[in-house]
Amino acid sequence: MHWFPFLPLTLRGRKPPADEDCDVSALRLYQHRVLLWGGCLLSLAIVAGMVALVLLQASGFQTRRLEALQRTHAAVEAHLVAADAAHQRMLNMAEYAWRHRPDSDAATAWQNGSATLPAASGWSSTPGRRARRRWCWV
């Protein structure tokens, strides 16, 4: 009983039978070698293709990640420029307010809290009553 009947006789460690022609056994041996090497080459080509596919996917992922990082960098840079401009405007306003201080007595009294702002009060100056009267049907 043969354990591996699909292997050629020479690979199983036996010689071909004596009644078999030498050319036929060489042809069988050649056919099996061609199939074996063809399968090996095909397997190597498939593995090389898979490796190339993995490398291309990794390269694409790296490219997308780098583009996202560049977009984030541009957004942060724009935010920093806007914040810097707002800070500069605030400094300019503070400097303007410092240089153009009100020197009048009324402004000084208002800043000290000793003066009051004249305001008229009446029916229209109370927001609660006004809103209630507007929505009331009676």
C-alpha atoms as a PDB file:
ATOM      1  CA  MET A   1       0.000   0.000   0.000  1.00  0.00           C
ATOM      2  CA  HIS A   2       1.334   3.403  -1.005  1.00  0.00           C
ATOM      3  CA  TRP A   3       0.904   6.312   1.336  1.00  0.00           C
ATOM      4  CA  PHE A   4       1.468   8.971  -1.289  1.00  0.00           C
ATOM      5  CA  PRO A   5       0.269   7.667  -4.616  1.00  0.00           C
ATOM      6  CA  PHE A   6       0.250  11.134  -6.219  1.00  0.00           C
ATOM      7  CA  LEU A   7       4.040  11.534  -5.882  1.00  0.00           C
ATOM      8  CA  PRO A   8       6.191  10.177  -8.675  1.00  0.00           C
ATOM      9  CA  LEU A   9       8.075   6.994  -7.954  1.00  0.00           C
ATOM     10  CA  THR A  10      11.445   8.722  -7.873  1.00  0.00           C
ATOM     11  CA  LEU A  11      10.229  11.161  -5.188  1.00  0.00           C
ATOM     12  CA  ARG A  12       8.832   8.282  -3.130  1.00  0.00           C
ATOM     13  CA  GLY A  13      12.266   6.710  -3.062  1.00  0.00           C
ATOM     14  CA  ARG A  14      11.542   3.889  -5.483  1.00  0.00           C
ATOM     15  CA  LYS A  15      12.751   3.282  -8.950  1.00  0.00           C
ATOM     16  CA  PRO A  16      10.239   2.876 -11.736  1.00  0.00           C
ATOM     17  CA  PRO A  17       9.339  -0.709 -12.569  1.00  0.00           C
ATOM     18  CA  ALA A  18      11.727  -2.491 -14.909  1.00  0.00           C
ATOM     19  CA  ASP A  19       9.084  -3.157 -17.522  1.00  0.00           C
ATOM     20  CA  GLU A  20       8.368   0.568 -17.923  1.00  0.00           C
ATOM     21  CA  ASP A  21      10.136   2.387 -20.715  1.00  0.00           C
ATOM     22  CA  CYS A  22      12.849   4.852 -19.645  1.00  0.00           C
ATOM     23  CA  ASP A  23      11.455   7.653 -21.838  1.00  0.00           C
ATOM     24  CA  VAL A  24       7.964   7.328 -20.340  1.00  0.00           C
ATOM     25  CA  SER A  25       9.296   7.480 -16.777  1.00  0.00           C
ATOM     26  CA  ALA A  26      11.434  10.523 -17.669  1.00  0.00           C
ATOM     27  CA  LEU A  27       8.371  12.177 -19.189  1.00  0.00           C
ATOM     28  CA  ARG A  28       6.305  11.517 -16.052  1.00  0.00           C
ATOM     29  CA  LEU A  29       9.113  12.826 -13.853  1.00  0.00           C
ATOM     30  CA  TYR A  30       9.454  15.948 -16.018  1.00  0.00           C
ATOM     31  CA  GLN A  31       5.701  16.557 -15.944  1.00  0.00           C
ATOM     32  CA  HIS A  32       5.612  16.355 -12.154  1.00  0.00           C
ATOM     33  CA  ARG A  33       8.582  18.705 -11.796  1.00  0.00           C
ATOM     34  CA  VAL A  34       7.009  21.234 -14.129  1.00  0.00           C
ATOM     35  CA  LEU A  35       3.777  21.117 -12.122  1.00  0.00           C
ATOM     36  CA  LEU A  36       5.671  21.421  -8.836  1.00  0.00           C
ATOM     37  CA  TRP A  37       7.769  24.387  -9.959  1.00  0.00           C
ATOM     38  CA  GLY A  38       4.807  26.035 -11.657  1.00  0.00           C
ATOM     39  CA  GLY A  39       2.828  25.786  -8.418  1.00  0.00           C
ATOM     40  CA  CYS A  40       5.753  27.210  -6.454  1.00  0.00           C
ATOM     41  CA  LEU A  41       6.116  30.137  -8.844  1.00  0.00           C
ATOM     42  CA  LEU A  42       2.389  30.787  -8.815  1.00  0.00           C
ATOM     43  CA  SER A  43       2.371  30.731  -5.002  1.00  0.00           C
ATOM     44  CA  LEU A  44       5.300  33.143  -4.884  1.00  0.00           C
ATOM     45  CA  ALA A  45       3.547  35.477  -7.315  1.00  0.00           C
ATOM     46  CA  ILE A  46       0.399  35.448  -5.177  1.00  0.00           C
ATOM     47  CA  VAL A  47       2.387  36.141  -2.000  1.00  0.00           C
ATOM     48  CA  ALA A  48       4.313  38.953  -3.730  1.00  0.00           C
ATOM     49  CA  GLY A  49       1.014  40.465  -4.920  1.00  0.00           C
ATOM     50  CA  MET A  50      -0.421  40.318  -1.412  1.00  0.00           C
ATOM     51  CA  VAL A  51       2.687  41.993   0.015  1.00  0.00           C
ATOM     52  CA  ALA A  52       2.481  44.714  -2.641  1.00  0.00           C
ATOM     53  CA  LEU A  53      -1.214  45.226  -1.865  1.00  0.00           C
ATOM     54  CA  VAL A  54      -0.503  45.555   1.855  1.00  0.00           C
ATOM     55  CA  LEU A  55       2.283  48.058   1.160  1.00  0.00           C
ATOM     56  CA  LEU A  56       0.006  50.120  -1.096  1.00  0.00           C
ATOM     57  CA  GLN A  57      -2.732  50.166   1.536  1.00  0.00           C
ATOM     58  CA  ALA A  58      -0.242  51.216   4.220  1.00  0.00           C
ATOM     59  CA  SER A  59       1.104  53.959   1.965  1.00  0.00           C
ATOM     60  CA  GLY A  60      -2.424  55.211   1.260  1.00  0.00           C
ATOM     61  CA  PHE A  61      -3.236  55.230   4.969  1.00  0.00           C
ATOM     62  CA  GLN A  62      -0.052  57.168   5.684  1.00  0.00           C
ATOM     63  CA  THR A  63      -0.903  59.676   2.945  1.00  0.00           C
ATOM     64  CA  ARG A  64      -4.458  60.202   4.246  1.00  0.00           C
ATOM     65  CA  ARG A  65      -3.160  60.602   7.786  1.00  0.00           C
ATOM     66  CA  LEU A  66      -0.569  63.163   6.666  1.00  0.00           C
ATOM     67  CA  GLU A  67      -3.203  65.143   4.726  1.00  0.00           C
ATOM     68  CA  ALA A  68      -5.475  65.181   7.787  1.00  0.00           C
ATOM     69  CA  LEU A  69      -2.573  66.414   9.899  1.00  0.00           C
ATOM     70  CA  GLN A  70      -1.856  69.186   7.401  1.00  0.00           C
ATOM     71  CA  ARG A  71      -5.534  70.251   7.382  1.00  0.00           C
ATOM     72  CA  THR A  72      -5.524  70.314  11.183  1.00  0.00           C
ATOM     73  CA  HIS A  73      -2.321  72.344  11.179  1.00  0.00           C
ATOM     74  CA  ALA A  74      -3.851  74.860   8.762  1.00  0.00           C
ATOM     75  CA  ALA A  75      -7.004  75.164  10.912  1.00  0.00           C
ATOM     76  CA  VAL A  76      -4.977  75.713  14.096  1.00  0.00           C
ATOM     77  CA  GLU A  77      -2.781  78.236  12.302  1.00  0.00           C
ATOM     78  CA  ALA A  78      -5.866  80.162  11.086  1.00  0.00           C
ATOM     79  CA  HIS A  79      -7.305  80.131  14.616  1.00  0.00           C
ATOM     80  CA  LEU A  80      -4.044  81.425  16.066  1.00  0.00           C
ATOM     81  CA  VAL A  81      -3.874  84.213  13.479  1.00  0.00           C
ATOM     82  CA  ALA A  82      -7.461  85.229  14.291  1.00  0.00           C
ATOM     83  CA  ALA A  83      -6.757  85.148  18.044  1.00  0.00           C
ATOM     84  CA  ASP A  84      -3.616  87.208  17.535  1.00  0.00           C
ATOM     85  CA  ALA A  85      -5.560  89.779  15.495  1.00  0.00           C
ATOM     86  CA  ALA A  86      -8.261  89.957  18.193  1.00  0.00           C
ATOM     87  CA  HIS A  87      -5.596  90.418  20.872  1.00  0.00           C
ATOM     88  CA  GLN A  88      -3.952  93.167  18.831  1.00  0.00           C
ATOM     89  CA  ARG A  89      -7.321  94.938  18.428  1.00  0.00           C
ATOM     90  CA  MET A  90      -7.885  94.699  22.181  1.00  0.00           C
ATOM     91  CA  LEU A  91      -4.461  96.212  22.834  1.00  0.00           C
ATOM     92  CA  ASN A  92      -5.165  99.022  20.377  1.00  0.00           C
ATOM     93  CA  MET A  93      -8.515  99.759  22.040  1.00  0.00           C
ATOM     94  CA  ALA A  94      -6.934  99.753  25.498  1.00  0.00           C
ATOM     95  CA  GLU A  95      -4.192 102.099  24.330  1.00  0.00           C
ATOM     96  CA  TYR A  96      -6.760 104.389  22.705  1.00  0.00           C
ATOM     97  CA  ALA A  97      -8.862 104.415  25.877  1.00  0.00           C
ATOM     98  CA  TRP A  98      -5.779 105.159  27.959  1.00  0.00           C
ATOM     99  CA  ARG A  99      -4.713 108.061  25.744  1.00  0.00           C
ATOM    100  CA  HIS A 100      -8.206 109.536  25.397  1.00  0.00           C
ATOM    101  CA  ARG A 101      -9.343 109.423  28.984  1.00  0.00           C
ATOM    102  CA  PRO A 102     -12.395 111.486  29.817  1.00  0.00           C
ATOM    103  CA  ASP A 103     -11.277 114.451  31.910  1.00  0.00           C
ATOM    104  CA  SER A 104     -14.682 116.045  32.442  1.00  0.00           C
ATOM    105  CA  ASP A 105     -16.242 116.266  35.891  1.00  0.00           C
ATOM    106  CA  ALA A 106     -19.375 114.334  34.887  1.00  0.00           C
ATOM    107  CA  ALA A 107     -17.350 111.430  33.473  1.00  0.00           C
ATOM    108  CA  THR A 108     -15.124 111.354  36.546  1.00  0.00           C
ATOM    109  CA  ALA A 109     -18.166 111.432  38.839  1.00  0.00           C
ATOM    110  CA  TRP A 110     -19.835 108.645  36.843  1.00  0.00           C
ATOM    111  CA  GLN A 111     -16.698 106.501  37.076  1.00  0.00           C
ATOM    112  CA  ASN A 112     -16.470 107.105  40.823  1.00  0.00           C
ATOM    113  CA  GLY A 113     -20.107 106.130  41.280  1.00  0.00           C
ATOM    114  CA  SER A 114     -21.238 109.420  42.806  1.00  0.00           C
ATOM    115  CA  ALA A 115     -23.340 110.472  39.827  1.00  0.00           C
ATOM    116  CA  THR A 116     -26.502 108.823  38.604  1.00  0.00           C
ATOM    117  CA  LEU A 117     -27.790 108.474  35.105  1.00  0.00           C
ATOM    118  CA  PRO A 118     -31.107 110.262  34.650  1.00  0.00           C
ATOM    119  CA  ALA A 119     -33.742 107.939  33.289  1.00  0.00           C
ATOM    120  CA  ALA A 120     -37.484 108.316  32.960  1.00  0.00           C
ATOM    121  CA  SER A 121     -39.647 105.530  34.267  1.00  0.00           C
ATOM    122  CA  GLY A 122     -43.164 104.817  33.229  1.00  0.00           C
ATOM    123  CA  TRP A 123     -45.533 102.256  31.846  1.00  0.00           C
ATOM    124  CA  SER A 124     -43.381 101.588  28.749  1.00  0.00           C
ATOM    125  CA  SER A 125     -40.120 101.227  30.715  1.00  0.00           C
ATOM    126  CA  THR A 126     -41.227  98.061  32.541  1.00  0.00           C
ATOM    127  CA  PRO A 127     -40.610  95.056  30.299  1.00  0.00           C
ATOM    128  CA  GLY A 128     -42.770  92.656  32.318  1.00  0.00           C
ATOM    129  CA  ARG A 129     -45.925  94.754  32.183  1.00  0.00           C
ATOM    130  CA  ARG A 130     -45.416  95.600  28.575  1.00  0.00           C
ATOM    131  CA  ALA A 131     -45.094  91.967  27.577  1.00  0.00           C
ATOM    132  CA  ARG A 132     -48.057  90.993  29.729  1.00  0.00           C
ATOM    133  CA  ARG A 133     -50.235  93.693  28.252  1.00  0.00           C
ATOM    134  CA  ARG A 134     -49.251  92.822  24.688  1.00  0.00           C
ATOM    135  CA  TRP A 135     -50.162  89.136  25.053  1.00  0.00           C
ATOM    136  CA  CYS A 136     -53.234  89.626  27.170  1.00  0.00           C
ATOM    137  CA  TRP A 137     -56.551  89.604  25.303  1.00  0.00           C
ATOM    138  CA  VAL A 138     -58.537  91.301  28.056  1.00  0.00           C
END
